[in-house]
Amino acid sequence: MKIRRALAPFMTIATLVCALCAQLGVPLAAQAATATLQIVAGARVAAVADRIAHGLVSGPDRSIAAAYQVADQNLPAGDVRIAAAGTPFVTQTYVGVPVGITVDGKLARTVMAGYRVTTYVRTAVAGRDLAPGAVLAESDLALARVASNGRPAIGLESLIGRKLNSATPKGAPLYVEQTVADTVVKPGQAAILMVRDGNVALTVDVVARTGGAIGDTVTVVNPQTQKAIAAVVTGKNRVELTLPGGER
């Protein structure tokens, strides 16, 4: 003990560290490993990948966001450089960016940073909260920019006059299959037929033989003559026939 105290002023820092670790029971191998490692923050890797990913996805109808957080990297001690490594993986919905980490000029690790890509479309949505059975009018609908689910956009004209199957909240996308045709002319019911011939229009009381929604062609019968005529549905119990050469 007296000799150790006498030599204490001449002991190196490393010797003191080894002596302390020995007293604490830390193996020398663990001491050496700890001394030769460094931690490279995942944020540094992500910063390089972000610049590359955002350069690959652009435009007003597309956006990109990180799919997960890049983890911190345990690497050997030395001078660190981070740069792109290899060709990015790019699809319509995902981008993967390989990033290389070199230590003292040697590639130590390649890390893949992942990104989700969202494409937006302008499509028909509910303009307000809609109840089941609502017959859609233009005031019930709106065009909005929403995330694409791979389906084509729907115009308002495809939905107007159709009956909604289920409750739909404001802003939710609407598709034709969520609706059914609203049959405004029904078989066996009385209807009014308007016959147009140039600037002349004539109305006739008829009976529908077949039913249909607005825009459908149905068959109606003149009860006086029993003559059947094909006409286009224009409203509730109303059909129209334009004679050849009588288009307005």
Protein backbone atom coordinates (compact mmCIF):
# COMPACT_ATOMS: atom_id res chain seq x y z
CA MET A 1 0.00 0.00 0.00
CA LYS A 2 2.85 2.39 0.86
CA ILE A 3 4.50 1.66 -2.53
CA ARG A 4 1.22 2.31 -4.43
CA ARG A 5 0.77 5.64 -2.65
CA ALA A 6 4.32 6.57 -3.45
CA LEU A 7 3.86 5.79 -7.17
CA ALA A 8 0.42 7.38 -7.43
CA PRO A 9 1.67 10.70 -8.86
CA PHE A 10 3.40 8.79 -11.68
CA MET A 11 0.46 6.56 -12.69
CA THR A 12 -1.07 7.31 -16.09
CA ILE A 13 -4.74 8.09 -16.55
CA ALA A 14 -5.16 4.75 -18.37
CA THR A 15 -3.64 2.91 -15.43
CA LEU A 16 -5.98 4.67 -13.04
CA VAL A 17 -8.99 3.79 -15.26
CA CYS A 18 -7.91 0.14 -15.41
CA ALA A 19 -7.43 0.03 -11.65
CA LEU A 20 -10.86 1.59 -11.09
CA CYS A 21 -12.52 -0.85 -13.51
CA ALA A 22 -10.79 -3.75 -11.82
CA GLN A 23 -12.19 -2.64 -8.47
CA LEU A 24 -15.67 -2.38 -10.06
CA GLY A 25 -15.38 -5.78 -11.75
CA VAL A 26 -15.57 -4.46 -15.36
CA PRO A 27 -13.74 -6.82 -17.80
CA LEU A 28 -10.88 -5.29 -19.74
CA ALA A 29 -12.39 -6.44 -23.05
CA ALA A 30 -15.55 -4.41 -22.35
CA GLN A 31 -13.40 -1.41 -21.46
CA ALA A 32 -11.61 -1.63 -24.82
CA ALA A 33 -14.84 -2.07 -26.81
CA THR A 34 -16.41 0.93 -25.13
CA ALA A 35 -13.41 3.06 -25.87
CA THR A 36 -13.43 2.26 -29.63
CA LEU A 37 -17.13 2.78 -30.40
CA GLN A 38 -19.13 5.88 -31.24
CA ILE A 39 -22.85 6.57 -31.73
CA VAL A 40 -24.01 8.19 -34.96
CA ALA A 41 -27.44 9.77 -34.48
CA GLY A 42 -30.18 8.38 -36.71
CA ALA A 43 -31.27 11.96 -37.34
CA ARG A 44 -28.02 12.60 -39.24
CA VAL A 45 -28.73 9.66 -41.55
CA ALA A 46 -32.36 10.73 -41.99
CA ALA A 47 -31.32 14.28 -42.93
CA VAL A 48 -29.31 12.96 -45.90
CA ALA A 49 -32.11 10.57 -46.95
CA ASP A 50 -34.78 13.28 -46.66
CA ARG A 51 -33.10 15.48 -49.25
CA ILE A 52 -32.92 12.60 -51.71
CA ALA A 53 -36.48 11.34 -51.10
CA HIS A 54 -38.09 14.77 -51.46
CA GLY A 55 -36.22 15.25 -54.72
CA LEU A 56 -37.79 12.06 -56.08
CA VAL A 57 -41.40 12.91 -55.18
CA SER A 58 -42.81 16.30 -56.11
CA GLY A 59 -45.88 18.04 -57.46
CA PRO A 60 -49.05 19.53 -55.96
CA ASP A 61 -50.86 16.18 -55.86
CA ARG A 62 -48.17 14.12 -54.09
CA SER A 63 -46.59 14.20 -50.65
CA ILE A 64 -43.94 12.14 -48.87
CA ALA A 65 -43.36 11.35 -45.18
CA ALA A 66 -40.99 9.11 -43.23
CA ALA A 67 -42.36 5.58 -42.74
CA TYR A 68 -40.30 5.01 -39.58
CA GLN A 69 -37.59 6.63 -37.47
CA VAL A 70 -33.99 5.79 -38.38
CA ALA A 71 -32.28 4.29 -35.33
CA ASP A 72 -29.02 5.56 -33.85
CA GLN A 73 -26.02 3.59 -35.16
CA ASN A 74 -23.19 2.12 -33.05
CA LEU A 75 -20.02 2.34 -35.14
CA PRO A 76 -16.24 2.18 -34.69
CA ALA A 77 -14.52 5.36 -33.63
CA GLY A 78 -13.16 7.53 -36.42
CA ASP A 79 -14.03 10.22 -38.95
CA VAL A 80 -17.66 9.75 -40.08
CA ARG A 81 -19.04 10.63 -43.50
CA ILE A 82 -22.69 10.07 -44.53
CA ALA A 83 -23.82 10.02 -48.18
CA ALA A 84 -26.18 8.35 -50.64
CA ALA A 85 -25.30 4.73 -51.40
CA GLY A 86 -26.85 2.99 -54.38
CA THR A 87 -30.07 3.53 -56.31
CA PRO A 88 -33.26 4.43 -54.36
CA PHE A 89 -36.22 2.05 -54.53
CA VAL A 90 -39.24 3.97 -55.87
CA THR A 91 -42.90 2.92 -56.34
CA GLN A 92 -46.17 4.85 -56.45
CA THR A 93 -46.63 4.42 -52.69
CA TYR A 94 -43.14 3.90 -51.22
CA VAL A 95 -39.57 5.17 -51.51
CA GLY A 96 -36.52 3.51 -49.97
CA VAL A 97 -33.27 5.48 -49.82
CA PRO A 98 -29.98 3.65 -49.07
CA VAL A 99 -27.52 5.77 -47.10
CA GLY A 100 -23.90 4.76 -46.57
CA ILE A 101 -21.88 5.58 -43.43
CA THR A 102 -18.11 5.52 -43.81
CA VAL A 103 -15.60 5.64 -40.97
CA ASP A 104 -12.10 6.82 -41.85
CA GLY A 105 -12.92 6.38 -45.53
CA LYS A 106 -14.20 2.80 -45.26
CA LEU A 107 -17.88 1.81 -45.61
CA ALA A 108 -19.00 0.76 -42.16
CA ARG A 109 -22.75 0.35 -42.74
CA THR A 110 -25.59 0.96 -45.22
CA VAL A 111 -28.88 2.11 -43.70
CA MET A 112 -32.21 2.09 -45.57
CA ALA A 113 -34.56 5.01 -44.84
CA GLY A 114 -38.19 4.41 -45.86
CA TYR A 115 -40.90 6.88 -46.93
CA ARG A 116 -44.62 6.60 -47.65
CA VAL A 117 -45.90 8.43 -50.72
CA THR A 118 -49.45 9.80 -50.80
CA THR A 119 -51.18 10.80 -54.04
CA TYR A 120 -54.19 13.12 -53.97
CA VAL A 121 -57.17 13.39 -56.34
CA ARG A 122 -60.07 15.80 -56.67
CA THR A 123 -63.23 13.76 -56.35
CA ALA A 124 -66.83 13.99 -55.19
CA VAL A 125 -67.41 14.10 -51.42
CA ALA A 126 -70.40 14.72 -49.21
CA GLY A 127 -70.92 18.47 -48.91
CA ARG A 128 -72.73 17.97 -45.59
CA ASP A 129 -73.79 15.09 -43.33
CA LEU A 130 -76.10 12.92 -45.45
CA ALA A 131 -78.77 10.50 -44.24
CA PRO A 132 -79.61 7.15 -45.81
CA GLY A 133 -82.16 7.46 -48.59
CA ALA A 134 -81.19 11.03 -49.50
CA VAL A 135 -81.63 11.80 -53.17
CA LEU A 136 -78.43 13.62 -54.05
CA ALA A 137 -78.67 17.15 -55.37
CA GLU A 138 -75.77 19.36 -56.43
CA SER A 139 -76.01 21.20 -53.09
CA ASP A 140 -75.35 17.90 -51.24
CA LEU A 141 -72.01 17.38 -53.00
CA ALA A 142 -68.64 19.04 -53.33
CA LEU A 143 -65.32 18.43 -55.05
CA ALA A 144 -62.42 18.02 -52.63
CA ARG A 145 -58.75 17.02 -52.63
CA VAL A 146 -58.45 13.69 -50.82
CA ALA A 147 -55.83 10.94 -50.53
CA SER A 148 -56.17 8.51 -53.41
CA ASN A 149 -57.15 4.92 -52.67
CA GLY A 150 -56.33 3.81 -56.21
CA ARG A 151 -59.83 4.40 -57.54
CA PRO A 152 -60.62 6.92 -60.30
CA ALA A 153 -62.06 10.29 -59.32
CA ILE A 154 -65.85 10.71 -59.49
CA GLY A 155 -67.54 13.81 -60.91
CA LEU A 156 -70.63 15.36 -59.35
CA GLU A 157 -72.73 14.63 -62.43
CA SER A 158 -72.35 10.88 -61.83
CA LEU A 159 -74.13 11.16 -58.47
CA ILE A 160 -76.79 13.84 -58.87
CA GLY A 161 -80.28 12.36 -58.76
CA ARG A 162 -79.17 9.05 -57.22
CA LYS A 163 -80.34 7.75 -53.83
CA LEU A 164 -77.78 7.23 -51.05
CA ASN A 165 -77.62 3.77 -49.45
CA SER A 166 -76.09 4.68 -46.09
CA ALA A 167 -75.28 7.63 -43.86
CA THR A 168 -72.22 9.56 -45.06
CA PRO A 169 -70.43 12.26 -43.03
CA LYS A 170 -69.40 15.59 -44.49
CA GLY A 171 -66.16 15.36 -46.44
CA ALA A 172 -66.28 11.59 -47.00
CA PRO A 173 -65.70 10.45 -50.62
CA LEU A 174 -68.75 9.19 -52.51
CA TYR A 175 -68.85 6.52 -55.21
CA VAL A 176 -71.61 5.39 -57.53
CA GLU A 177 -71.92 1.99 -55.83
CA GLN A 178 -72.83 3.73 -52.57
CA THR A 179 -76.01 4.83 -54.32
CA VAL A 180 -78.88 3.38 -56.32
CA ALA A 181 -80.86 4.92 -59.13
CA ASP A 182 -83.84 6.87 -57.81
CA THR A 183 -86.74 5.50 -59.82
CA VAL A 184 -88.90 8.57 -60.36
CA VAL A 185 -91.04 6.96 -63.06
CA LYS A 186 -92.54 3.62 -61.97
CA PRO A 187 -94.31 0.96 -64.03
CA GLY A 188 -98.10 1.29 -64.04
CA GLN A 189 -98.11 4.88 -62.77
CA ALA A 190 -99.45 7.89 -64.66
CA ALA A 191 -96.91 10.27 -66.15
CA ILE A 192 -96.76 13.34 -68.34
CA LEU A 193 -95.09 13.06 -71.72
CA MET A 194 -93.73 16.21 -73.32
CA VAL A 195 -93.28 15.96 -77.07
CA ARG A 196 -90.96 18.56 -78.62
CA ASP A 197 -90.96 19.43 -82.29
CA GLY A 198 -88.77 22.43 -82.93
CA ASN A 199 -90.24 25.36 -80.97
CA VAL A 200 -93.50 23.52 -80.40
CA ALA A 201 -94.07 21.46 -77.24
CA LEU A 202 -97.08 19.28 -76.53
CA THR A 203 -97.91 17.44 -73.31
CA VAL A 204 -99.79 14.15 -73.23
CA ASP A 205 -101.05 12.05 -70.31
CA VAL A 206 -99.48 8.59 -70.50
CA VAL A 207 -98.97 5.48 -68.36
CA ALA A 208 -95.48 4.14 -67.73
CA ARG A 209 -94.89 0.59 -68.86
CA THR A 210 -91.31 0.47 -67.54
CA GLY A 211 -89.64 2.44 -64.77
CA GLY A 212 -86.43 4.42 -64.60
CA ALA A 213 -84.37 7.19 -63.05
CA ILE A 214 -83.60 10.61 -64.50
CA GLY A 215 -81.81 10.17 -67.81
CA ASP A 216 -83.09 6.63 -68.38
CA THR A 217 -85.16 5.72 -71.41
CA VAL A 218 -88.52 4.16 -70.52
CA THR A 219 -91.57 2.99 -72.39
CA VAL A 220 -94.87 4.82 -71.92
CA VAL A 221 -98.30 4.13 -73.42
CA ASN A 222 -100.92 6.61 -74.62
CA PRO A 223 -104.12 5.18 -73.09
CA GLN A 224 -106.23 6.79 -75.82
CA THR A 225 -104.40 5.21 -78.76
CA GLN A 226 -102.63 2.34 -76.92
CA LYS A 227 -99.50 3.36 -78.77
CA ALA A 228 -96.22 2.72 -76.95
CA ILE A 229 -93.49 5.36 -77.12
CA ALA A 230 -89.91 5.42 -75.82
CA ALA A 231 -89.08 8.61 -73.92
CA VAL A 232 -86.38 9.95 -71.59
CA VAL A 233 -87.11 10.49 -67.90
CA THR A 234 -86.66 14.15 -66.95
CA GLY A 235 -88.26 14.27 -63.49
CA LYS A 236 -90.75 12.64 -61.16
CA ASN A 237 -93.46 11.12 -63.39
CA ARG A 238 -92.24 13.22 -66.31
CA VAL A 239 -90.77 12.00 -69.61
CA GLU A 240 -89.76 13.75 -72.79
CA LEU A 241 -89.56 12.90 -76.47
CA THR A 242 -87.85 15.12 -79.04
CA LEU A 243 -88.96 14.37 -82.58
CA PRO A 244 -86.31 13.97 -85.30
CA GLY A 245 -85.27 17.37 -86.56
CA GLY A 246 -86.86 19.01 -83.52
CA GLU A 247 -83.71 19.30 -81.38
CA ARG A 248 -83.36 22.68 -79.80
